[in-house]
């Protein structure tokens, strides 16, 4: 296989090679690693819900971080084919079509809900941003059901026309939040990670609530 001499492509190859060497199925694991190193949202013994978990890199890394006393549950419409550790499991299902009777929802509450989901892109930034918002909003409402009070929500979203609308939901629902762009993010990507800390008890009915909480951007 030929590799481009472009510096950015070499950087991409670095993360892809590193993922293969460390036995992760995708380079996206290093984004979660950077988030964990910066903010420490995942702790030993916690329960973690990973939305859109395939191919399984975030599942594997989160399982390492929570340790044998913790539990990581992943959901994706695509199968996870890698071998997972004993404290991790993956359901092949549509999390957004599930009710409270699903085995991973209902009375079970999680310390962290995370979503690295991204839409199929078209090249049209308006369409792609709208699709990203729809996924992120759906993940937000799953997190509202699944998170325990004071829990943490980690979500990828494309910056675009609907970004502030999504942030209104976050500001109304969490005591504080951070915005973070990992170094391992592709240079041309408009994605950013929103990390909501301290889930409040009240569930927002829409995105028009009074905005509270501190706004802080943390670069890579």
N, C-alpha and C. Protein backbone atom coordinates (compact mmCIF):
# COMPACT_ATOMS: atom_id res chain seq x y z
N UNK A 1 0.84 -1.20 0.00
CA UNK A 1 0.00 0.00 0.00
C UNK A 1 0.87 1.25 0.00
N UNK A 2 0.57 2.21 -0.85
CA UNK A 2 1.33 3.44 -0.90
C UNK A 2 0.79 4.45 0.10
N UNK A 3 1.71 5.17 0.72
CA UNK A 3 1.32 6.22 1.64
C UNK A 3 1.69 7.57 1.05
N UNK A 4 0.81 8.54 1.24
CA UNK A 4 1.09 9.88 0.77
C UNK A 4 2.22 10.49 1.57
N UNK A 5 2.97 11.38 0.94
CA UNK A 5 4.04 12.09 1.65
C UNK A 5 3.49 13.30 2.39
N UNK A 6 2.18 13.56 2.26
CA UNK A 6 1.57 14.68 2.97
C UNK A 6 1.74 14.51 4.46
N UNK A 7 2.16 15.58 5.14
CA UNK A 7 2.44 15.52 6.58
C UNK A 7 1.21 15.09 7.37
N UNK A 8 0.03 15.59 7.01
CA UNK A 8 -1.18 15.25 7.74
C UNK A 8 -1.49 13.76 7.60
N UNK A 9 -1.28 13.20 6.40
CA UNK A 9 -1.52 11.78 6.21
C UNK A 9 -0.54 10.94 7.00
N UNK A 10 0.71 11.39 7.10
CA UNK A 10 1.68 10.68 7.93
C UNK A 10 1.22 10.66 9.37
N UNK A 11 0.64 11.81 9.83
CA UNK A 11 0.15 11.88 11.21
C UNK A 11 -1.01 10.92 11.40
N UNK A 12 -1.89 10.84 10.39
CA UNK A 12 -2.99 9.90 10.47
C UNK A 12 -2.46 8.46 10.52
N UNK A 13 -1.46 8.17 9.70
CA UNK A 13 -0.90 6.84 9.68
C UNK A 13 -0.29 6.48 11.03
N UNK A 14 0.27 7.47 11.71
CA UNK A 14 0.85 7.24 13.04
C UNK A 14 -0.19 6.69 13.99
N UNK A 15 -1.37 7.30 14.05
CA UNK A 15 -2.42 6.84 14.96
C UNK A 15 -3.00 5.51 14.53
N UNK A 16 -3.13 5.30 13.22
CA UNK A 16 -3.64 4.02 12.73
C UNK A 16 -2.66 2.89 13.05
N UNK A 17 -1.37 3.14 12.82
CA UNK A 17 -0.36 2.12 13.13
C UNK A 17 -0.31 1.84 14.63
N UNK A 18 -0.40 2.91 15.41
CA UNK A 18 -0.35 2.75 16.87
C UNK A 18 -1.53 1.91 17.35
N UNK A 19 -2.71 2.15 16.77
CA UNK A 19 -3.90 1.37 17.15
C UNK A 19 -3.70 -0.11 16.83
N UNK A 20 -3.14 -0.40 15.66
CA UNK A 20 -2.89 -1.79 15.30
C UNK A 20 -1.88 -2.43 16.25
N UNK A 21 -0.83 -1.68 16.58
CA UNK A 21 0.20 -2.21 17.47
C UNK A 21 -0.35 -2.50 18.87
N UNK A 22 -1.28 -1.66 19.31
CA UNK A 22 -1.84 -1.81 20.66
C UNK A 22 -3.13 -2.63 20.66
N UNK A 23 -3.45 -3.23 19.51
CA UNK A 23 -4.57 -4.17 19.38
C UNK A 23 -5.94 -3.52 19.56
N UNK A 24 -6.06 -2.25 19.16
CA UNK A 24 -7.36 -1.60 19.14
C UNK A 24 -7.88 -1.61 17.70
N UNK A 25 -9.18 -1.77 17.49
CA UNK A 25 -9.72 -1.85 16.13
C UNK A 25 -9.80 -0.52 15.39
N UNK A 26 -9.64 0.61 16.09
CA UNK A 26 -9.75 1.91 15.42
C UNK A 26 -8.91 2.95 16.15
N UNK A 27 -8.45 3.94 15.39
CA UNK A 27 -7.62 5.01 15.93
C UNK A 27 -8.39 5.95 16.85
N UNK A 28 -9.72 5.88 16.82
CA UNK A 28 -10.55 6.77 17.66
C UNK A 28 -10.30 6.56 19.14
N UNK A 29 -9.69 5.45 19.51
CA UNK A 29 -9.41 5.20 20.93
C UNK A 29 -8.56 6.30 21.54
N UNK A 30 -7.69 6.92 20.73
CA UNK A 30 -6.78 7.92 21.28
C UNK A 30 -7.49 9.22 21.61
N UNK A 31 -8.65 9.45 21.01
CA UNK A 31 -9.46 10.61 21.39
C UNK A 31 -10.00 10.42 22.80
N UNK A 32 -10.51 9.22 23.09
CA UNK A 32 -11.01 8.95 24.45
C UNK A 32 -9.86 8.96 25.45
N UNK A 33 -8.71 8.44 25.05
CA UNK A 33 -7.55 8.47 25.94
C UNK A 33 -7.18 9.90 26.31
N UNK A 34 -7.19 10.79 25.33
CA UNK A 34 -6.87 12.19 25.61
C UNK A 34 -7.90 12.82 26.55
N UNK A 35 -9.17 12.50 26.32
CA UNK A 35 -10.23 13.01 27.21
C UNK A 35 -10.01 12.50 28.62
N UNK A 36 -9.70 11.22 28.75
CA UNK A 36 -9.48 10.63 30.06
C UNK A 36 -8.26 11.24 30.76
N UNK A 37 -7.18 11.44 30.02
CA UNK A 37 -5.98 12.02 30.60
C UNK A 37 -6.21 13.46 31.05
N UNK A 38 -7.04 14.18 30.32
CA UNK A 38 -7.28 15.59 30.62
C UNK A 38 -8.29 15.79 31.74
N UNK A 39 -9.37 15.01 31.73
CA UNK A 39 -10.50 15.29 32.64
C UNK A 39 -10.82 14.17 33.63
N UNK A 40 -10.30 12.97 33.41
CA UNK A 40 -10.55 11.82 34.29
C UNK A 40 -12.05 11.56 34.52
N UNK A 41 -12.87 11.50 33.47
CA UNK A 41 -14.30 11.24 33.68
C UNK A 41 -14.62 9.81 34.08
N UNK A 42 -13.72 8.88 33.74
CA UNK A 42 -13.94 7.46 34.02
C UNK A 42 -13.12 7.04 35.22
N UNK A 43 -13.79 6.39 36.18
CA UNK A 43 -13.12 5.98 37.41
C UNK A 43 -13.26 4.47 37.61
N UNK A 44 -12.39 3.92 38.43
CA UNK A 44 -12.44 2.49 38.74
C UNK A 44 -13.79 2.11 39.34
N UNK A 45 -14.31 0.96 38.92
CA UNK A 45 -15.54 0.44 39.48
C UNK A 45 -16.82 1.03 38.92
N UNK A 46 -16.72 1.93 37.95
CA UNK A 46 -17.92 2.58 37.42
C UNK A 46 -18.63 1.73 36.37
N UNK A 47 -19.88 2.14 36.08
CA UNK A 47 -20.66 1.57 34.99
C UNK A 47 -20.69 2.59 33.85
N UNK A 48 -20.34 2.15 32.66
CA UNK A 48 -20.22 3.02 31.50
C UNK A 48 -21.12 2.52 30.38
N UNK A 49 -21.81 3.44 29.71
CA UNK A 49 -22.63 3.11 28.55
C UNK A 49 -22.03 3.79 27.32
N UNK A 50 -21.71 3.00 26.31
CA UNK A 50 -21.07 3.49 25.09
C UNK A 50 -22.06 3.37 23.93
N UNK A 51 -22.55 4.51 23.45
CA UNK A 51 -23.52 4.54 22.35
C UNK A 51 -22.78 4.59 21.02
N UNK A 52 -23.17 3.72 20.10
CA UNK A 52 -22.46 3.65 18.82
C UNK A 52 -21.08 3.07 19.01
N UNK A 53 -21.00 1.93 19.67
CA UNK A 53 -19.72 1.42 20.18
C UNK A 53 -18.84 0.73 19.14
N UNK A 54 -19.40 0.30 18.00
CA UNK A 54 -18.59 -0.40 17.00
C UNK A 54 -17.54 0.55 16.40
N UNK A 55 -16.34 0.05 16.12
CA UNK A 55 -15.90 -1.35 16.16
C UNK A 55 -15.42 -1.84 17.52
N UNK A 56 -15.39 -0.98 18.54
CA UNK A 56 -15.11 -1.46 19.89
C UNK A 56 -13.93 -0.86 20.62
N UNK A 57 -13.25 0.11 20.01
CA UNK A 57 -12.07 0.69 20.66
C UNK A 57 -12.40 1.39 21.97
N UNK A 58 -13.46 2.19 21.97
CA UNK A 58 -13.84 2.90 23.20
C UNK A 58 -14.28 1.90 24.27
N UNK A 59 -14.99 0.86 23.87
CA UNK A 59 -15.40 -0.19 24.81
C UNK A 59 -14.18 -0.80 25.49
N UNK A 60 -13.18 -1.16 24.70
CA UNK A 60 -12.00 -1.81 25.23
C UNK A 60 -11.24 -0.90 26.18
N UNK A 61 -11.06 0.36 25.78
CA UNK A 61 -10.31 1.28 26.62
C UNK A 61 -11.06 1.58 27.91
N UNK A 62 -12.36 1.82 27.82
CA UNK A 62 -13.16 2.11 29.02
C UNK A 62 -13.13 0.92 29.98
N UNK A 63 -13.15 -0.29 29.43
CA UNK A 63 -13.08 -1.49 30.28
C UNK A 63 -11.76 -1.54 31.04
N UNK A 64 -10.69 -1.12 30.39
CA UNK A 64 -9.39 -1.06 31.07
C UNK A 64 -9.44 -0.05 32.22
N UNK A 65 -10.07 1.08 31.98
CA UNK A 65 -10.08 2.16 32.97
C UNK A 65 -10.96 1.84 34.17
N UNK A 66 -12.09 1.18 33.97
CA UNK A 66 -12.98 0.87 35.11
C UNK A 66 -12.48 -0.32 35.91
N UNK A 67 -11.66 -1.16 35.28
CA UNK A 67 -11.11 -2.31 35.98
C UNK A 67 -12.11 -3.43 36.14
N UNK A 68 -11.69 -4.53 36.75
CA UNK A 68 -12.55 -5.72 36.87
C UNK A 68 -13.80 -5.51 37.71
N UNK A 69 -13.80 -4.50 38.58
CA UNK A 69 -14.99 -4.24 39.41
C UNK A 69 -15.99 -3.34 38.70
N UNK A 70 -15.64 -2.82 37.52
CA UNK A 70 -16.53 -1.97 36.76
C UNK A 70 -17.21 -2.74 35.63
N UNK A 71 -18.06 -2.04 34.88
CA UNK A 71 -18.80 -2.67 33.79
C UNK A 71 -18.99 -1.66 32.66
N UNK A 72 -18.75 -2.12 31.44
CA UNK A 72 -18.95 -1.27 30.26
C UNK A 72 -19.91 -1.97 29.32
N UNK A 73 -20.96 -1.26 28.94
CA UNK A 73 -21.98 -1.78 28.03
C UNK A 73 -21.98 -0.94 26.76
N UNK A 74 -21.91 -1.59 25.62
CA UNK A 74 -21.93 -0.90 24.34
C UNK A 74 -23.15 -1.27 23.53
N UNK A 75 -23.62 -0.32 22.72
CA UNK A 75 -24.78 -0.53 21.86
C UNK A 75 -24.46 0.00 20.47
N UNK A 76 -24.75 -0.78 19.44
CA UNK A 76 -24.54 -0.31 18.07
C UNK A 76 -25.39 -1.16 17.14
N UNK A 77 -25.83 -0.56 16.05
CA UNK A 77 -26.57 -1.32 15.05
C UNK A 77 -25.63 -2.23 14.26
N UNK A 78 -24.32 -1.94 14.33
CA UNK A 78 -23.31 -2.78 13.70
C UNK A 78 -22.70 -3.72 14.74
N UNK A 79 -22.29 -4.91 14.32
CA UNK A 79 -21.72 -5.84 15.29
C UNK A 79 -20.31 -5.44 15.73
N UNK A 80 -19.98 -5.77 16.95
CA UNK A 80 -18.61 -5.62 17.46
C UNK A 80 -17.97 -7.00 17.37
N UNK A 81 -16.95 -7.13 16.54
CA UNK A 81 -16.37 -8.44 16.26
C UNK A 81 -15.09 -8.71 17.04
N UNK A 82 -14.52 -7.70 17.69
CA UNK A 82 -13.30 -7.92 18.46
C UNK A 82 -13.63 -8.65 19.76
N UNK A 83 -12.64 -9.32 20.30
CA UNK A 83 -12.82 -9.99 21.58
C UNK A 83 -12.77 -8.95 22.70
N UNK A 84 -13.82 -8.91 23.50
CA UNK A 84 -13.91 -7.92 24.58
C UNK A 84 -13.49 -8.54 25.90
N UNK A 85 -12.98 -7.72 26.82
CA UNK A 85 -12.67 -8.24 28.16
C UNK A 85 -13.94 -8.65 28.89
N UNK A 86 -13.77 -9.36 29.99
CA UNK A 86 -14.91 -9.92 30.72
C UNK A 86 -15.84 -8.84 31.27
N UNK A 87 -15.33 -7.65 31.52
CA UNK A 87 -16.15 -6.60 32.11
C UNK A 87 -16.78 -5.70 31.06
N UNK A 88 -16.82 -6.15 29.81
CA UNK A 88 -17.45 -5.37 28.73
C UNK A 88 -18.35 -6.27 27.89
N UNK A 89 -19.44 -5.70 27.41
CA UNK A 89 -20.35 -6.43 26.52
C UNK A 89 -20.94 -5.46 25.51
N UNK A 90 -21.32 -6.00 24.36
CA UNK A 90 -21.90 -5.18 23.30
C UNK A 90 -23.22 -5.78 22.83
N UNK A 91 -24.24 -4.92 22.71
CA UNK A 91 -25.53 -5.32 22.17
C UNK A 91 -25.64 -4.81 20.74
N UNK A 92 -26.07 -5.67 19.83
CA UNK A 92 -26.34 -5.24 18.47
C UNK A 92 -27.79 -4.78 18.42
N UNK A 93 -27.99 -3.47 18.55
CA UNK A 93 -29.35 -2.92 18.66
C UNK A 93 -29.30 -1.43 18.36
N UNK A 94 -30.47 -0.86 18.16
CA UNK A 94 -30.62 0.58 17.95
C UNK A 94 -31.01 1.20 19.29
N UNK A 95 -30.08 1.87 19.92
CA UNK A 95 -30.34 2.44 21.25
C UNK A 95 -31.46 3.46 21.22
N UNK A 96 -31.66 4.10 20.08
CA UNK A 96 -32.66 5.15 19.99
C UNK A 96 -34.06 4.61 19.75
N UNK A 97 -34.16 3.32 19.50
CA UNK A 97 -35.47 2.70 19.29
C UNK A 97 -35.87 1.83 20.47
N UNK A 98 -35.06 1.86 21.53
CA UNK A 98 -35.32 1.02 22.69
C UNK A 98 -36.18 1.74 23.72
N UNK A 99 -36.95 0.95 24.48
CA UNK A 99 -37.70 1.53 25.58
C UNK A 99 -37.00 1.17 26.89
N UNK A 100 -37.62 1.52 28.00
CA UNK A 100 -37.00 1.30 29.30
C UNK A 100 -36.90 -0.17 29.68
N UNK A 101 -37.50 -1.06 28.88
CA UNK A 101 -37.41 -2.48 29.17
C UNK A 101 -36.15 -3.11 28.59
N UNK A 102 -35.40 -2.35 27.81
CA UNK A 102 -34.15 -2.88 27.27
C UNK A 102 -33.22 -3.26 28.41
N UNK A 103 -32.44 -4.34 28.23
CA UNK A 103 -31.60 -4.83 29.34
C UNK A 103 -30.55 -3.84 29.81
N UNK A 104 -30.21 -2.86 28.98
CA UNK A 104 -29.18 -1.91 29.36
C UNK A 104 -29.75 -0.57 29.82
N UNK A 105 -31.09 -0.45 29.83
CA UNK A 105 -31.73 0.77 30.31
C UNK A 105 -32.61 0.44 31.51
N UNK A 106 -33.67 1.18 31.70
CA UNK A 106 -34.55 0.91 32.83
C UNK A 106 -33.95 1.36 34.15
N UNK A 107 -33.93 0.46 35.13
CA UNK A 107 -33.48 0.82 36.47
C UNK A 107 -31.96 0.93 36.57
N UNK A 108 -31.25 0.39 35.60
CA UNK A 108 -29.79 0.48 35.62
C UNK A 108 -29.37 1.92 35.33
N UNK A 109 -28.52 2.46 36.17
CA UNK A 109 -28.02 3.81 35.95
C UNK A 109 -26.50 3.76 35.80
N UNK A 110 -26.00 4.64 34.96
CA UNK A 110 -24.58 4.65 34.63
C UNK A 110 -23.89 5.90 35.18
N UNK A 111 -22.61 5.74 35.46
CA UNK A 111 -21.80 6.88 35.89
C UNK A 111 -21.42 7.77 34.71
N UNK A 112 -21.19 7.13 33.55
CA UNK A 112 -20.78 7.85 32.35
C UNK A 112 -21.54 7.28 31.15
N UNK A 113 -22.07 8.17 30.31
CA UNK A 113 -22.60 7.79 29.01
C UNK A 113 -21.76 8.51 27.97
N UNK A 114 -21.29 7.78 26.98
CA UNK A 114 -20.42 8.40 25.97
C UNK A 114 -20.87 8.03 24.57
N UNK A 115 -20.67 8.97 23.65
CA UNK A 115 -21.07 8.78 22.26
C UNK A 115 -20.00 9.35 21.34
N UNK A 116 -19.44 8.49 20.52
CA UNK A 116 -18.48 8.93 19.50
C UNK A 116 -19.12 8.80 18.11
N UNK A 117 -20.43 8.83 18.07
CA UNK A 117 -21.14 8.62 16.80
C UNK A 117 -20.95 9.80 15.85
N UNK A 118 -20.86 9.48 14.58
CA UNK A 118 -20.77 10.49 13.53
C UNK A 118 -21.61 10.02 12.35
N UNK A 119 -22.25 10.95 11.65
CA UNK A 119 -23.10 10.55 10.52
C UNK A 119 -22.27 10.23 9.30
N UNK A 120 -22.89 9.57 8.35
CA UNK A 120 -22.28 9.44 7.03
C UNK A 120 -22.24 10.83 6.41
N UNK A 121 -21.07 11.26 6.00
CA UNK A 121 -20.93 12.64 5.52
C UNK A 121 -21.19 12.73 4.02
N UNK A 122 -21.68 13.90 3.62
CA UNK A 122 -22.02 14.15 2.22
C UNK A 122 -21.06 15.13 1.56
N UNK A 123 -20.30 15.87 2.37
CA UNK A 123 -19.48 16.94 1.84
C UNK A 123 -20.17 18.28 1.92
N UNK A 124 -21.47 18.26 2.18
CA UNK A 124 -22.23 19.49 2.39
C UNK A 124 -22.23 19.78 3.89
N UNK A 125 -21.55 20.84 4.30
CA UNK A 125 -21.36 21.09 5.73
C UNK A 125 -22.68 21.33 6.46
N UNK A 126 -23.67 21.91 5.79
CA UNK A 126 -24.96 22.15 6.43
C UNK A 126 -25.70 20.84 6.69
N UNK A 127 -25.69 19.97 5.69
CA UNK A 127 -26.34 18.66 5.83
C UNK A 127 -25.61 17.83 6.88
N UNK A 128 -24.29 17.81 6.81
CA UNK A 128 -23.51 17.00 7.75
C UNK A 128 -23.67 17.49 9.18
N UNK A 129 -23.70 18.81 9.37
CA UNK A 129 -23.89 19.36 10.72
C UNK A 129 -25.26 19.01 11.27
N UNK A 130 -26.28 19.07 10.41
CA UNK A 130 -27.63 18.73 10.84
C UNK A 130 -27.72 17.25 11.23
N UNK A 131 -27.09 16.40 10.46
CA UNK A 131 -27.09 14.97 10.78
C UNK A 131 -26.35 14.70 12.09
N UNK A 132 -25.24 15.39 12.27
CA UNK A 132 -24.48 15.23 13.52
C UNK A 132 -25.31 15.69 14.71
N UNK A 133 -26.01 16.81 14.54
CA UNK A 133 -26.86 17.29 15.63
C UNK A 133 -27.93 16.27 15.99
N UNK A 134 -28.55 15.68 14.98
CA UNK A 134 -29.61 14.70 15.25
C UNK A 134 -29.09 13.52 16.06
N UNK A 135 -27.91 13.03 15.71
CA UNK A 135 -27.31 11.93 16.47
C UNK A 135 -26.97 12.37 17.90
N UNK A 136 -26.39 13.55 18.02
CA UNK A 136 -25.97 14.04 19.34
C UNK A 136 -27.17 14.31 20.23
N UNK A 137 -28.24 14.85 19.66
CA UNK A 137 -29.44 15.10 20.44
C UNK A 137 -30.05 13.78 20.91
N UNK A 138 -30.08 12.79 20.03
CA UNK A 138 -30.61 11.48 20.42
C UNK A 138 -29.78 10.87 21.54
N UNK A 139 -28.46 10.99 21.44
CA UNK A 139 -27.58 10.49 22.50
C UNK A 139 -27.81 11.25 23.80
N UNK A 140 -28.05 12.54 23.69
CA UNK A 140 -28.31 13.37 24.87
C UNK A 140 -29.52 12.85 25.65
N UNK A 141 -30.59 12.52 24.94
CA UNK A 141 -31.81 12.09 25.63
C UNK A 141 -31.68 10.66 26.17
N UNK A 142 -30.88 9.82 25.52
CA UNK A 142 -30.58 8.52 26.11
C UNK A 142 -29.81 8.72 27.41
N UNK A 143 -28.84 9.64 27.38
CA UNK A 143 -28.05 9.92 28.58
C UNK A 143 -28.92 10.45 29.71
N UNK A 144 -29.92 11.26 29.38
CA UNK A 144 -30.81 11.79 30.42
C UNK A 144 -31.54 10.65 31.14
N UNK A 145 -31.87 9.60 30.41
CA UNK A 145 -32.53 8.44 31.02
C UNK A 145 -31.54 7.56 31.78
N UNK A 146 -30.37 7.36 31.17
CA UNK A 146 -29.46 6.32 31.65
C UNK A 146 -28.49 6.78 32.72
N UNK A 147 -28.20 8.08 32.78
CA UNK A 147 -27.21 8.58 33.73
C UNK A 147 -27.78 8.73 35.13
N UNK A 148 -26.96 8.43 36.10
CA UNK A 148 -27.32 8.75 37.48
C UNK A 148 -27.10 10.24 37.71
N UNK A 149 -27.73 10.78 38.75
CA UNK A 149 -27.50 12.18 39.10
C UNK A 149 -26.01 12.39 39.35
N UNK A 150 -25.48 13.51 38.85
CA UNK A 150 -24.06 13.86 38.92
C UNK A 150 -23.22 13.07 37.93
N UNK A 151 -23.85 12.32 37.02
CA UNK A 151 -23.10 11.57 36.03
C UNK A 151 -22.48 12.45 34.96
N UNK A 152 -21.68 11.82 34.09
CA UNK A 152 -20.91 12.53 33.06
C UNK A 152 -21.37 12.06 31.67
N UNK A 153 -21.53 13.02 30.76
CA UNK A 153 -21.92 12.74 29.38
C UNK A 153 -20.81 13.24 28.46
N UNK A 154 -20.29 12.34 27.62
CA UNK A 154 -19.25 12.67 26.64
C UNK A 154 -19.85 12.48 25.26
N UNK A 155 -19.81 13.52 24.43
CA UNK A 155 -20.49 13.43 23.13
C UNK A 155 -19.73 14.17 22.05
N UNK A 156 -19.55 13.50 20.92
CA UNK A 156 -18.96 14.15 19.75
C UNK A 156 -20.05 14.83 18.94
N UNK A 157 -19.74 16.02 18.43
CA UNK A 157 -20.68 16.73 17.56
C UNK A 157 -19.89 17.58 16.58
N UNK A 158 -20.43 17.78 15.39
CA UNK A 158 -19.81 18.68 14.43
C UNK A 158 -20.21 20.11 14.77
N UNK A 159 -19.27 21.02 14.70
CA UNK A 159 -19.58 22.43 14.92
C UNK A 159 -20.25 22.98 13.66
N UNK A 160 -21.42 23.55 13.86
CA UNK A 160 -22.18 24.07 12.74
C UNK A 160 -23.36 24.88 13.21
N UNK A 161 -24.37 24.98 12.36
CA UNK A 161 -25.52 25.84 12.65
C UNK A 161 -26.29 25.41 13.90
N UNK A 162 -26.29 24.12 14.20
CA UNK A 162 -27.07 23.61 15.33
C UNK A 162 -26.25 23.44 16.61
N UNK A 163 -24.99 23.84 16.56
CA UNK A 163 -24.12 23.59 17.71
C UNK A 163 -24.60 24.31 18.96
N UNK A 164 -24.97 25.57 18.83
CA UNK A 164 -25.42 26.32 20.01
C UNK A 164 -26.73 25.76 20.55
N UNK A 165 -27.55 25.26 19.67
CA UNK A 165 -28.80 24.62 20.10
C UNK A 165 -28.50 23.41 20.99
N UNK A 166 -27.50 22.63 20.59
CA UNK A 166 -27.11 21.48 21.40
C UNK A 166 -26.52 21.94 22.73
N UNK A 167 -25.73 23.00 22.68
CA UNK A 167 -25.11 23.50 23.91
C UNK A 167 -26.16 24.02 24.89
N UNK A 168 -27.27 24.54 24.40
CA UNK A 168 -28.35 24.95 25.29
C UNK A 168 -28.86 23.78 26.12
N UNK A 169 -28.96 22.61 25.48
CA UNK A 169 -29.38 21.42 26.21
C UNK A 169 -28.36 21.05 27.28
N UNK A 170 -27.10 21.07 26.91
CA UNK A 170 -26.04 20.72 27.85
C UNK A 170 -26.01 21.68 29.03
N UNK A 171 -26.07 22.97 28.75
CA UNK A 171 -25.98 23.98 29.81
C UNK A 171 -27.14 23.88 30.79
N UNK A 172 -28.30 23.49 30.28
CA UNK A 172 -29.47 23.37 31.15
C UNK A 172 -29.48 22.08 31.95
N UNK A 173 -28.66 21.12 31.56
CA UNK A 173 -28.78 19.78 32.13
C UNK A 173 -27.59 19.33 32.97
N UNK A 174 -26.48 20.06 32.89
CA UNK A 174 -25.27 19.69 33.62
C UNK A 174 -24.74 20.90 34.38
N UNK A 175 -24.11 20.63 35.52
CA UNK A 175 -23.64 21.74 36.35
C UNK A 175 -22.46 22.47 35.72
N UNK A 176 -21.67 21.77 34.93
CA UNK A 176 -20.59 22.42 34.19
C UNK A 176 -20.25 21.58 32.97
N UNK A 177 -19.50 22.15 32.05
CA UNK A 177 -19.14 21.42 30.85
C UNK A 177 -17.80 21.90 30.32
N UNK A 178 -17.19 21.08 29.50
CA UNK A 178 -15.95 21.41 28.81
C UNK A 178 -16.11 21.09 27.33
N UNK A 179 -15.44 21.85 26.50
CA UNK A 179 -15.35 21.56 25.08
C UNK A 179 -13.90 21.20 24.79
N UNK A 180 -13.70 20.11 24.06
CA UNK A 180 -12.34 19.61 23.89
C UNK A 180 -12.14 19.06 22.48
N UNK A 181 -11.03 19.45 21.88
CA UNK A 181 -10.64 18.93 20.57
C UNK A 181 -9.32 18.16 20.74
N UNK A 182 -9.36 16.84 20.70
CA UNK A 182 -8.14 16.06 20.89
C UNK A 182 -7.11 16.30 19.79
N UNK A 183 -5.86 16.09 20.13
CA UNK A 183 -4.78 16.22 19.15
C UNK A 183 -4.93 15.19 18.03
N UNK A 184 -5.51 14.05 18.36
CA UNK A 184 -5.66 12.98 17.37
C UNK A 184 -6.80 13.21 16.39
N UNK A 185 -7.53 14.33 16.54
CA UNK A 185 -8.59 14.67 15.59
C UNK A 185 -7.97 15.12 14.27
N UNK A 186 -8.55 14.70 13.18
CA UNK A 186 -8.05 15.13 11.87
C UNK A 186 -8.14 16.66 11.75
N UNK A 187 -7.12 17.22 11.15
CA UNK A 187 -7.01 18.68 11.07
C UNK A 187 -8.22 19.32 10.40
N UNK A 188 -8.73 18.67 9.36
CA UNK A 188 -9.83 19.26 8.59
C UNK A 188 -11.20 19.02 9.22
N UNK A 189 -11.25 18.20 10.27
CA UNK A 189 -12.53 17.85 10.87
C UNK A 189 -13.12 19.00 11.69
N UNK A 190 -14.44 19.11 11.67
CA UNK A 190 -15.14 20.12 12.47
C UNK A 190 -15.70 19.53 13.75
N UNK A 191 -15.29 18.32 14.08
CA UNK A 191 -15.82 17.67 15.28
C UNK A 191 -15.19 18.24 16.54
N UNK A 192 -15.97 18.21 17.59
CA UNK A 192 -15.51 18.61 18.91
C UNK A 192 -16.24 17.74 19.93
N UNK A 193 -15.63 17.56 21.07
CA UNK A 193 -16.25 16.76 22.13
C UNK A 193 -16.80 17.67 23.21
N UNK A 194 -18.05 17.43 23.55
CA UNK A 194 -18.72 18.14 24.64
C UNK A 194 -18.78 17.19 25.82
N UNK A 195 -18.30 17.65 26.96
CA UNK A 195 -18.28 16.82 28.17
C UNK A 195 -19.09 17.52 29.24
N UNK A 196 -20.24 16.95 29.56
CA UNK A 196 -21.09 17.51 30.60
C UNK A 196 -20.83 16.80 31.92
N UNK A 197 -20.55 17.58 32.95
CA UNK A 197 -20.27 17.03 34.28
C UNK A 197 -21.41 17.38 35.23
N UNK A 198 -21.77 16.43 36.08
CA UNK A 198 -22.78 16.70 37.10
C UNK A 198 -24.18 16.81 36.55
N UNK A 199 -24.72 15.70 36.06
CA UNK A 199 -26.08 15.72 35.51
C UNK A 199 -27.08 16.17 36.58
N UNK A 200 -27.91 17.13 36.21
CA UNK A 200 -28.93 17.63 37.12
C UNK A 200 -30.13 16.69 37.14
N UNK A 201 -30.95 16.82 38.17
CA UNK A 201 -32.14 15.98 38.29
C UNK A 201 -33.20 16.35 37.25
N UNK A 202 -33.33 17.65 36.95
CA UNK A 202 -34.40 18.10 36.06
C UNK A 202 -34.08 17.72 34.62
N UNK A 203 -35.08 17.20 33.91
CA UNK A 203 -34.93 16.90 32.49
C UNK A 203 -35.49 18.06 31.67
N UNK A 204 -34.71 18.60 30.73
CA UNK A 204 -35.21 19.70 29.90
C UNK A 204 -36.28 19.22 28.94
N UNK A 205 -37.29 20.04 28.75
CA UNK A 205 -38.34 19.70 27.78
C UNK A 205 -37.93 20.12 26.37
N UNK A 206 -37.08 21.13 26.29
CA UNK A 206 -36.59 21.56 24.98
C UNK A 206 -35.31 22.35 25.20
N UNK A 207 -34.83 22.99 24.17
CA UNK A 207 -33.57 23.71 24.28
C UNK A 207 -33.70 25.16 24.64
N UNK A 208 -34.81 25.59 25.26
CA UNK A 208 -35.02 27.01 25.52
C UNK A 208 -34.90 27.36 27.00
N UNK A 209 -34.40 26.42 27.81
CA UNK A 209 -34.31 26.71 29.24
C UNK A 209 -33.27 27.78 29.52
N UNK A 210 -33.35 28.34 30.72
CA UNK A 210 -32.35 29.31 31.14
C UNK A 210 -30.99 28.64 31.13
N UNK A 211 -30.02 29.28 30.53
CA UNK A 211 -28.69 28.70 30.40
C UNK A 211 -27.90 28.96 31.67
N UNK A 212 -27.35 27.90 32.24
CA UNK A 212 -26.52 28.03 33.43
C UNK A 212 -25.24 27.25 33.21
N UNK A 213 -24.28 27.44 34.09
CA UNK A 213 -23.04 26.68 34.00
C UNK A 213 -21.97 27.46 33.28
N UNK A 214 -20.72 27.06 33.51
CA UNK A 214 -19.60 27.78 32.94
C UNK A 214 -19.25 27.30 31.56
N UNK A 215 -18.87 28.23 30.71
CA UNK A 215 -18.45 27.91 29.35
C UNK A 215 -16.94 27.92 29.31
N UNK A 216 -16.35 26.78 29.03
CA UNK A 216 -14.90 26.72 28.96
C UNK A 216 -14.48 25.82 27.83
N UNK A 217 -13.61 26.35 26.97
CA UNK A 217 -13.04 25.55 25.90
C UNK A 217 -11.64 25.15 26.30
N UNK A 218 -11.34 23.88 26.18
CA UNK A 218 -10.02 23.38 26.51
C UNK A 218 -9.41 22.81 25.25
N UNK A 219 -8.38 23.41 24.75
CA UNK A 219 -7.74 22.93 23.54
C UNK A 219 -6.87 21.73 23.80
N UNK A 220 -6.36 21.17 22.73
CA UNK A 220 -5.54 19.97 22.86
C UNK A 220 -4.09 20.34 23.13
